[in-house]
Amino acid sequence: VPLENPYLDSSLLSLSPGLSCSITPIISCISDQMVITSHEDIYDTRVELTNSRLALQDNEWQVSADADVSLLENNELIFSAAMGVAASNEQISASSMSAEFLGVDNVVVNITHSFITEKGLISTVVDQPAEKFMGLVDSLALNNFELLGGTISINNNLDWNLKSEGQMYDLDLKILIEALDLEVGTYRLLQGTLDAHLGGWGTLQNRKPAIMTWQHIDIGVPV
């Protein structure tokens, strides 16, 4: 079933043969599998819904499903997640404990949006060894830059109010890096820390003074 969306080049919904519905005072449908694919510019998205359930009564509806989500850029996988999804005529929510983004795994993702207030939130939390972020470093085309050790924790909240007459979006980003060892060209920076809290939209600003320290800086002669 082709889907029309002004923001996508193409979108398609595929239903498995196992779709069944019952009509009582409540219309209830169960589907073994639904697949939604879309394409926009260099991006392709695939959402596979399993254990899908739909209940409809009067003007109220509820939907639940398990979703496997994948996003590709130029046919390269950049994001994947197994998510639980629940929606109604009032709100939609989705969560994952094991999303992966550019090689960084075990990313916790929670999404909520209210159809009534038009307010929503996407929160992501990741706490991984620094080496796991090399896929992100490569995507930014940072040449001669290598993460050798340490841990990186990121807590990111993006919230929105689509009814706002002012700024509709706000990003709150907290970054904590500990015991970081990295190499830039022939230089080595060892046992670094960074504690930063940024926020805003468009242009991010410090929400508290950022603190960065390095125990050792090796530029050929250790400092």
C-alpha atoms as a PDB file:
ATOM      1  CA  VAL A   1       0.000   0.000   0.000  1.00  0.00           C
ATOM      2  CA  PRO A   2       1.703   3.247  -1.094  1.00  0.00           C
ATOM      3  CA  LEU A   3       1.650   5.975   1.574  1.00  0.00           C
ATOM      4  CA  GLU A   4       1.590   9.673   0.804  1.00  0.00           C
ATOM      5  CA  ASN A   5       3.806  11.961   2.862  1.00  0.00           C
ATOM      6  CA  PRO A   6       4.936  15.450   1.797  1.00  0.00           C
ATOM      7  CA  TYR A   7       8.254  14.964   3.613  1.00  0.00           C
ATOM      8  CA  LEU A   8       9.295  11.714   1.860  1.00  0.00           C
ATOM      9  CA  ASP A   9      10.126  10.787  -1.721  1.00  0.00           C
ATOM     10  CA  SER A  10       8.335   7.455  -1.297  1.00  0.00           C
ATOM     11  CA  SER A  11       6.755   5.327   1.415  1.00  0.00           C
ATOM     12  CA  LEU A  12       5.202   1.863   1.353  1.00  0.00           C
ATOM     13  CA  LEU A  13       3.189  -0.263   3.812  1.00  0.00           C
ATOM     14  CA  SER A  14       3.291  -4.075   3.428  1.00  0.00           C
ATOM     15  CA  LEU A  15       0.912  -6.342   5.373  1.00  0.00           C
ATOM     16  CA  SER A  16       1.487 -10.033   6.071  1.00  0.00           C
ATOM     17  CA  PRO A  17      -1.231 -12.589   5.173  1.00  0.00           C
ATOM     18  CA  GLY A  18      -1.898 -13.143   8.901  1.00  0.00           C
ATOM     19  CA  LEU A  19      -3.979  -9.969   9.408  1.00  0.00           C
ATOM     20  CA  SER A  20      -7.253 -10.731  11.221  1.00  0.00           C
ATOM     21  CA  CYS A  21      -9.996  -8.496  12.589  1.00  0.00           C
ATOM     22  CA  SER A  22     -13.080  -8.987  14.725  1.00  0.00           C
ATOM     23  CA  ILE A  23     -16.013  -6.578  14.911  1.00  0.00           C
ATOM     24  CA  THR A  24     -17.998  -6.378  18.122  1.00  0.00           C
ATOM     25  CA  PRO A  25     -18.729  -3.134  19.930  1.00  0.00           C
ATOM     26  CA  ILE A  26     -14.932  -2.841  19.583  1.00  0.00           C
ATOM     27  CA  ILE A  27     -13.089  -3.296  16.285  1.00  0.00           C
ATOM     28  CA  SER A  28      -9.964  -5.328  17.076  1.00  0.00           C
ATOM     29  CA  CYS A  29      -7.231  -6.294  14.606  1.00  0.00           C
ATOM     30  CA  ILE A  30      -4.097  -8.412  14.993  1.00  0.00           C
ATOM     31  CA  SER A  31      -1.255  -8.604  12.468  1.00  0.00           C
ATOM     32  CA  ASP A  32       1.730 -10.943  12.556  1.00  0.00           C
ATOM     33  CA  GLN A  33       3.844  -8.555  10.538  1.00  0.00           C
ATOM     34  CA  MET A  34       3.678  -5.110   8.976  1.00  0.00           C
ATOM     35  CA  VAL A  35       6.582  -3.458   7.188  1.00  0.00           C
ATOM     36  CA  ILE A  36       6.851   0.258   6.455  1.00  0.00           C
ATOM     37  CA  THR A  37       9.633   1.431   4.168  1.00  0.00           C
ATOM     38  CA  SER A  38      10.420   4.964   3.083  1.00  0.00           C
ATOM     39  CA  HIS A  39      13.018   6.808   1.052  1.00  0.00           C
ATOM     40  CA  GLU A  40      14.139  10.419   1.203  1.00  0.00           C
ATOM     41  CA  ASP A  41      17.225  11.674  -0.614  1.00  0.00           C
ATOM     42  CA  ILE A  42      20.147   9.508   0.632  1.00  0.00           C
ATOM     43  CA  TYR A  43      18.196   7.959   3.525  1.00  0.00           C
ATOM     44  CA  ASP A  44      16.175   4.752   3.628  1.00  0.00           C
ATOM     45  CA  THR A  45      14.056   3.717   6.595  1.00  0.00           C
ATOM     46  CA  ARG A  46      12.573   0.318   7.363  1.00  0.00           C
ATOM     47  CA  VAL A  47      10.186  -0.340  10.256  1.00  0.00           C
ATOM     48  CA  GLU A  48       9.035  -3.919  10.805  1.00  0.00           C
ATOM     49  CA  LEU A  49       6.097  -4.228  13.190  1.00  0.00           C
ATOM     50  CA  THR A  50       5.296  -7.581  14.788  1.00  0.00           C
ATOM     51  CA  ASN A  51       2.669  -8.585  17.338  1.00  0.00           C
ATOM     52  CA  SER A  52       0.664  -5.567  16.178  1.00  0.00           C
ATOM     53  CA  ARG A  53      -2.698  -4.980  17.832  1.00  0.00           C
ATOM     54  CA  LEU A  54      -5.312  -2.334  17.030  1.00  0.00           C
ATOM     55  CA  ALA A  55      -8.489  -1.621  18.986  1.00  0.00           C
ATOM     56  CA  LEU A  56     -11.044   0.942  17.811  1.00  0.00           C
ATOM     57  CA  GLN A  57     -14.221   2.047  19.599  1.00  0.00           C
ATOM     58  CA  ASP A  58     -16.129   5.200  18.759  1.00  0.00           C
ATOM     59  CA  ASN A  59     -13.514   7.928  18.410  1.00  0.00           C
ATOM     60  CA  GLU A  60     -10.889   6.216  20.545  1.00  0.00           C
ATOM     61  CA  TRP A  61      -8.179   3.854  19.315  1.00  0.00           C
ATOM     62  CA  GLN A  62      -5.190   2.051  20.747  1.00  0.00           C
ATOM     63  CA  VAL A  63      -2.238   0.421  18.991  1.00  0.00           C
ATOM     64  CA  SER A  64       0.670  -1.621  20.317  1.00  0.00           C
ATOM     65  CA  ALA A  65       3.507  -3.405  18.532  1.00  0.00           C
ATOM     66  CA  ASP A  66       7.110  -4.511  18.654  1.00  0.00           C
ATOM     67  CA  ALA A  67       9.178  -2.574  16.143  1.00  0.00           C
ATOM     68  CA  ASP A  68      12.538  -3.230  14.503  1.00  0.00           C
ATOM     69  CA  VAL A  69      13.748   0.082  13.117  1.00  0.00           C
ATOM     70  CA  SER A  70      16.679   0.622  10.762  1.00  0.00           C
ATOM     71  CA  LEU A  71      17.986   3.772   9.086  1.00  0.00           C
ATOM     72  CA  LEU A  72      20.464   3.663   6.215  1.00  0.00           C
ATOM     73  CA  GLU A  73      22.523   6.480   4.721  1.00  0.00           C
ATOM     74  CA  ASN A  74      23.769   5.728   1.214  1.00  0.00           C
ATOM     75  CA  ASN A  75      22.902   2.062   1.885  1.00  0.00           C
ATOM     76  CA  GLU A  76      25.076   2.024   5.033  1.00  0.00           C
ATOM     77  CA  LEU A  77      23.337   1.205   8.322  1.00  0.00           C
ATOM     78  CA  ILE A  78      23.675   4.120  10.749  1.00  0.00           C
ATOM     79  CA  PHE A  79      20.883   3.408  13.257  1.00  0.00           C
ATOM     80  CA  SER A  80      18.995   0.328  14.400  1.00  0.00           C
ATOM     81  CA  ALA A  81      16.741  -0.410  17.352  1.00  0.00           C
ATOM     82  CA  ALA A  82      14.298  -2.949  18.691  1.00  0.00           C
ATOM     83  CA  MET A  83      11.511  -0.880  20.238  1.00  0.00           C
ATOM     84  CA  GLY A  84       8.248  -1.344  22.037  1.00  0.00           C
ATOM     85  CA  VAL A  85       5.597   0.996  20.634  1.00  0.00           C
ATOM     86  CA  ALA A  86       2.246   2.019  22.113  1.00  0.00           C
ATOM     87  CA  ALA A  87      -0.115   4.645  20.729  1.00  0.00           C
ATOM     88  CA  SER A  88      -3.618   5.969  21.173  1.00  0.00           C
ATOM     89  CA  ASN A  89      -5.655   8.917  20.005  1.00  0.00           C
ATOM     90  CA  GLU A  90      -4.029  10.852  22.868  1.00  0.00           C
ATOM     91  CA  GLN A  91      -0.325   9.997  22.659  1.00  0.00           C
ATOM     92  CA  ILE A  92       2.406   7.768  21.270  1.00  0.00           C
ATOM     93  CA  SER A  93       5.411   6.332  23.072  1.00  0.00           C
ATOM     94  CA  ALA A  94       8.332   4.125  22.073  1.00  0.00           C
ATOM     95  CA  SER A  95      11.327   2.834  23.962  1.00  0.00           C
ATOM     96  CA  SER A  96      14.435   0.766  23.370  1.00  0.00           C
ATOM     97  CA  MET A  97      17.134  -0.506  25.709  1.00  0.00           C
ATOM     98  CA  SER A  98      19.489  -1.622  22.941  1.00  0.00           C
ATOM     99  CA  ALA A  99      19.604   0.860  20.079  1.00  0.00           C
ATOM    100  CA  GLU A 100      22.782   1.206  18.005  1.00  0.00           C
ATOM    101  CA  PHE A 101      24.029   4.395  16.339  1.00  0.00           C
ATOM    102  CA  LEU A 102      27.153   4.439  14.162  1.00  0.00           C
ATOM    103  CA  GLY A 103      28.630   1.489  16.037  1.00  0.00           C
ATOM    104  CA  VAL A 104      27.741   2.771  19.504  1.00  0.00           C
ATOM    105  CA  ASP A 105      25.502   0.101  21.013  1.00  0.00           C
ATOM    106  CA  ASN A 106      23.306  -0.252  24.096  1.00  0.00           C
ATOM    107  CA  VAL A 107      21.881   3.225  23.567  1.00  0.00           C
ATOM    108  CA  VAL A 108      18.716   3.739  25.648  1.00  0.00           C
ATOM    109  CA  VAL A 109      16.030   5.626  23.701  1.00  0.00           C
ATOM    110  CA  ASN A 110      12.644   6.857  24.924  1.00  0.00           C
ATOM    111  CA  ILE A 111      10.179   8.803  22.779  1.00  0.00           C
ATOM    112  CA  THR A 112       6.845  10.344  23.787  1.00  0.00           C
ATOM    113  CA  HIS A 113       4.488  12.704  22.001  1.00  0.00           C
ATOM    114  CA  SER A 114       1.061  13.989  23.003  1.00  0.00           C
ATOM    115  CA  PHE A 115      -1.450  14.522  20.198  1.00  0.00           C
ATOM    116  CA  ILE A 116      -3.456  16.728  22.566  1.00  0.00           C
ATOM    117  CA  THR A 117      -0.798  19.179  23.782  1.00  0.00           C
ATOM    118  CA  GLU A 118       1.520  18.673  20.759  1.00  0.00           C
ATOM    119  CA  LYS A 119       4.396  18.350  23.244  1.00  0.00           C
ATOM    120  CA  GLY A 120       6.956  15.580  23.088  1.00  0.00           C
ATOM    121  CA  LEU A 121      10.374  14.360  24.118  1.00  0.00           C
ATOM    122  CA  ILE A 122      13.159  12.166  22.780  1.00  0.00           C
ATOM    123  CA  SER A 123      15.691  11.116  25.399  1.00  0.00           C
ATOM    124  CA  THR A 124      18.853   9.121  24.728  1.00  0.00           C
ATOM    125  CA  VAL A 125      21.354   7.798  27.229  1.00  0.00           C
ATOM    126  CA  VAL A 126      24.651   6.119  26.405  1.00  0.00           C
ATOM    127  CA  ASP A 127      27.566   5.090  28.629  1.00  0.00           C
ATOM    128  CA  GLN A 128      30.251   3.250  26.682  1.00  0.00           C
ATOM    129  CA  PRO A 129      34.026   2.840  26.298  1.00  0.00           C
ATOM    130  CA  ALA A 130      35.457   5.658  24.210  1.00  0.00           C
ATOM    131  CA  GLU A 131      36.638   3.268  21.489  1.00  0.00           C
ATOM    132  CA  LYS A 132      32.971   2.510  20.678  1.00  0.00           C
ATOM    133  CA  PHE A 133      32.624   6.076  19.358  1.00  0.00           C
ATOM    134  CA  MET A 134      35.141   5.630  16.529  1.00  0.00           C
ATOM    135  CA  GLY A 135      32.286   5.071  14.061  1.00  0.00           C
ATOM    136  CA  LEU A 136      30.964   8.518  14.972  1.00  0.00           C
ATOM    137  CA  VAL A 137      34.467   9.994  14.652  1.00  0.00           C
ATOM    138  CA  ASP A 138      34.829   8.457  11.184  1.00  0.00           C
ATOM    139  CA  SER A 139      31.439   9.848  10.103  1.00  0.00           C
ATOM    140  CA  LEU A 140      32.646  13.344  11.036  1.00  0.00           C
ATOM    141  CA  ALA A 141      35.717  12.821   8.797  1.00  0.00           C
ATOM    142  CA  LEU A 142      38.138  13.663  11.612  1.00  0.00           C
ATOM    143  CA  ASN A 143      41.422  12.582  10.053  1.00  0.00           C
ATOM    144  CA  ASN A 144      44.272  11.216  12.182  1.00  0.00           C
ATOM    145  CA  PHE A 145      41.997  11.196  15.233  1.00  0.00           C
ATOM    146  CA  GLU A 146      41.774   8.039  17.337  1.00  0.00           C
ATOM    147  CA  LEU A 147      40.156   7.298  20.681  1.00  0.00           C
ATOM    148  CA  LEU A 148      42.386   4.944  22.661  1.00  0.00           C
ATOM    149  CA  GLY A 149      40.717   4.585  26.056  1.00  0.00           C
ATOM    150  CA  GLY A 150      38.363   6.030  28.640  1.00  0.00           C
ATOM    151  CA  THR A 151      34.592   6.223  28.976  1.00  0.00           C
ATOM    152  CA  ILE A 152      32.023   8.566  27.432  1.00  0.00           C
ATOM    153  CA  SER A 153      28.577   9.189  28.917  1.00  0.00           C
ATOM    154  CA  ILE A 154      25.964  11.205  27.048  1.00  0.00           C
ATOM    155  CA  ASN A 155      22.521  12.168  28.307  1.00  0.00           C
ATOM    156  CA  ASN A 156      20.504  13.945  25.641  1.00  0.00           C
ATOM    157  CA  ASN A 157      16.941  15.295  25.814  1.00  0.00           C
ATOM    158  CA  LEU A 158      15.199  16.923  22.867  1.00  0.00           C
ATOM    159  CA  ASP A 159      11.763  18.281  23.701  1.00  0.00           C
ATOM    160  CA  TRP A 160       9.282  20.205  21.610  1.00  0.00           C
ATOM    161  CA  ASN A 161       6.060  22.157  21.808  1.00  0.00           C
ATOM    162  CA  LEU A 162       4.547  22.397  18.326  1.00  0.00           C
ATOM    163  CA  LYS A 163       1.927  24.875  19.543  1.00  0.00           C
ATOM    164  CA  SER A 164       4.535  27.321  20.800  1.00  0.00           C
ATOM    165  CA  GLU A 165       4.613  30.683  19.079  1.00  0.00           C
ATOM    166  CA  GLY A 166       8.256  31.050  20.045  1.00  0.00           C
ATOM    167  CA  GLN A 167      11.006  28.450  20.060  1.00  0.00           C
ATOM    168  CA  MET A 168       9.381  25.066  19.454  1.00  0.00           C
ATOM    169  CA  TYR A 169      12.438  22.903  20.194  1.00  0.00           C
ATOM    170  CA  ASP A 170      14.942  22.705  23.019  1.00  0.00           C
ATOM    171  CA  LEU A 171      17.968  20.442  23.299  1.00  0.00           C
ATOM    172  CA  ASP A 172      19.550  19.600  26.646  1.00  0.00           C
ATOM    173  CA  LEU A 173      22.879  17.778  26.288  1.00  0.00           C
ATOM    174  CA  LYS A 174      25.109  16.518  29.107  1.00  0.00           C
ATOM    175  CA  ILE A 175      28.509  15.003  28.316  1.00  0.00           C
ATOM    176  CA  LEU A 176      30.822  13.382  30.854  1.00  0.00           C
ATOM    177  CA  ILE A 177      34.154  11.959  29.666  1.00  0.00           C
ATOM    178  CA  GLU A 178      36.586  10.296  32.045  1.00  0.00           C
ATOM    179  CA  ALA A 179      40.109   8.842  31.752  1.00  0.00           C
ATOM    180  CA  LEU A 180      40.183   9.657  28.029  1.00  0.00           C
ATOM    181  CA  ASP A 181      43.246   8.778  25.983  1.00  0.00           C
ATOM    182  CA  LEU A 182      43.333  10.014  22.399  1.00  0.00           C
ATOM    183  CA  GLU A 183      45.737  10.493  19.557  1.00  0.00           C
ATOM    184  CA  VAL A 184      45.641  13.379  17.091  1.00  0.00           C
ATOM    185  CA  GLY A 185      48.242  12.945  14.395  1.00  0.00           C
ATOM    186  CA  THR A 186      51.570  12.592  16.240  1.00  0.00           C
ATOM    187  CA  TYR A 187      50.192  14.063  19.469  1.00  0.00           C
ATOM    188  CA  ARG A 188      48.831  12.069  22.399  1.00  0.00           C
ATOM    189  CA  LEU A 189      46.556  13.416  25.110  1.00  0.00           C
ATOM    190  CA  LEU A 190      46.192  11.103  28.106  1.00  0.00           C
ATOM    191  CA  GLN A 191      43.817  10.748  31.071  1.00  0.00           C
ATOM    192  CA  GLY A 192      41.530  13.583  30.060  1.00  0.00           C
ATOM    193  CA  THR A 193      38.197  14.565  31.556  1.00  0.00           C
ATOM    194  CA  LEU A 194      35.340  16.680  30.233  1.00  0.00           C
ATOM    195  CA  ASP A 195      32.189  17.736  32.044  1.00  0.00           C
ATOM    196  CA  ALA A 196      29.891  19.807  29.822  1.00  0.00           C
ATOM    197  CA  HIS A 197      26.223  20.809  29.870  1.00  0.00           C
ATOM    198  CA  LEU A 198      24.918  22.415  26.682  1.00  0.00           C
ATOM    199  CA  GLY A 199      21.461  23.504  25.620  1.00  0.00           C
ATOM    200  CA  GLY A 200      19.334  25.500  23.226  1.00  0.00           C
ATOM    201  CA  TRP A 201      18.354  25.142  19.600  1.00  0.00           C
ATOM    202  CA  GLY A 202      20.192  26.234  16.480  1.00  0.00           C
ATOM    203  CA  THR A 203      23.149  27.490  18.483  1.00  0.00           C
ATOM    204  CA  LEU A 204      24.033  25.497  21.599  1.00  0.00           C
ATOM    205  CA  GLN A 205      25.195  27.407  24.661  1.00  0.00           C
ATOM    206  CA  ASN A 206      26.799  26.344  27.920  1.00  0.00           C
ATOM    207  CA  ARG A 207      24.259  25.854  30.690  1.00  0.00           C
ATOM    208  CA  LYS A 208      27.116  25.632  33.158  1.00  0.00           C
ATOM    209  CA  PRO A 209      30.868  26.235  32.800  1.00  0.00           C
ATOM    210  CA  ALA A 210      32.518  23.310  31.014  1.00  0.00           C
ATOM    211  CA  ILE A 211      35.512  21.703  32.734  1.00  0.00           C
ATOM    212  CA  MET A 212      38.286  19.977  30.776  1.00  0.00           C
ATOM    213  CA  THR A 213      41.542  18.604  32.167  1.00  0.00           C
ATOM    214  CA  TRP A 214      44.436  16.467  30.859  1.00  0.00           C
ATOM    215  CA  GLN A 215      46.980  14.634  33.000  1.00  0.00           C
ATOM    216  CA  HIS A 216      49.529  14.255  30.193  1.00  0.00           C
ATOM    217  CA  ILE A 217      50.037  15.905  26.799  1.00  0.00           C
ATOM    218  CA  ASP A 218      52.686  14.303  24.598  1.00  0.00           C
ATOM    219  CA  ILE A 219      53.753  16.521  21.681  1.00  0.00           C
ATOM    220  CA  GLY A 220      57.033  14.675  21.228  1.00  0.00           C
ATOM    221  CA  VAL A 221      58.139  15.913  24.624  1.00  0.00           C
ATOM    222  CA  PRO A 222      55.710  14.810  27.413  1.00  0.00           C
ATOM    223  CA  VAL A 223      54.119  17.770  29.215  1.00  0.00           C
END
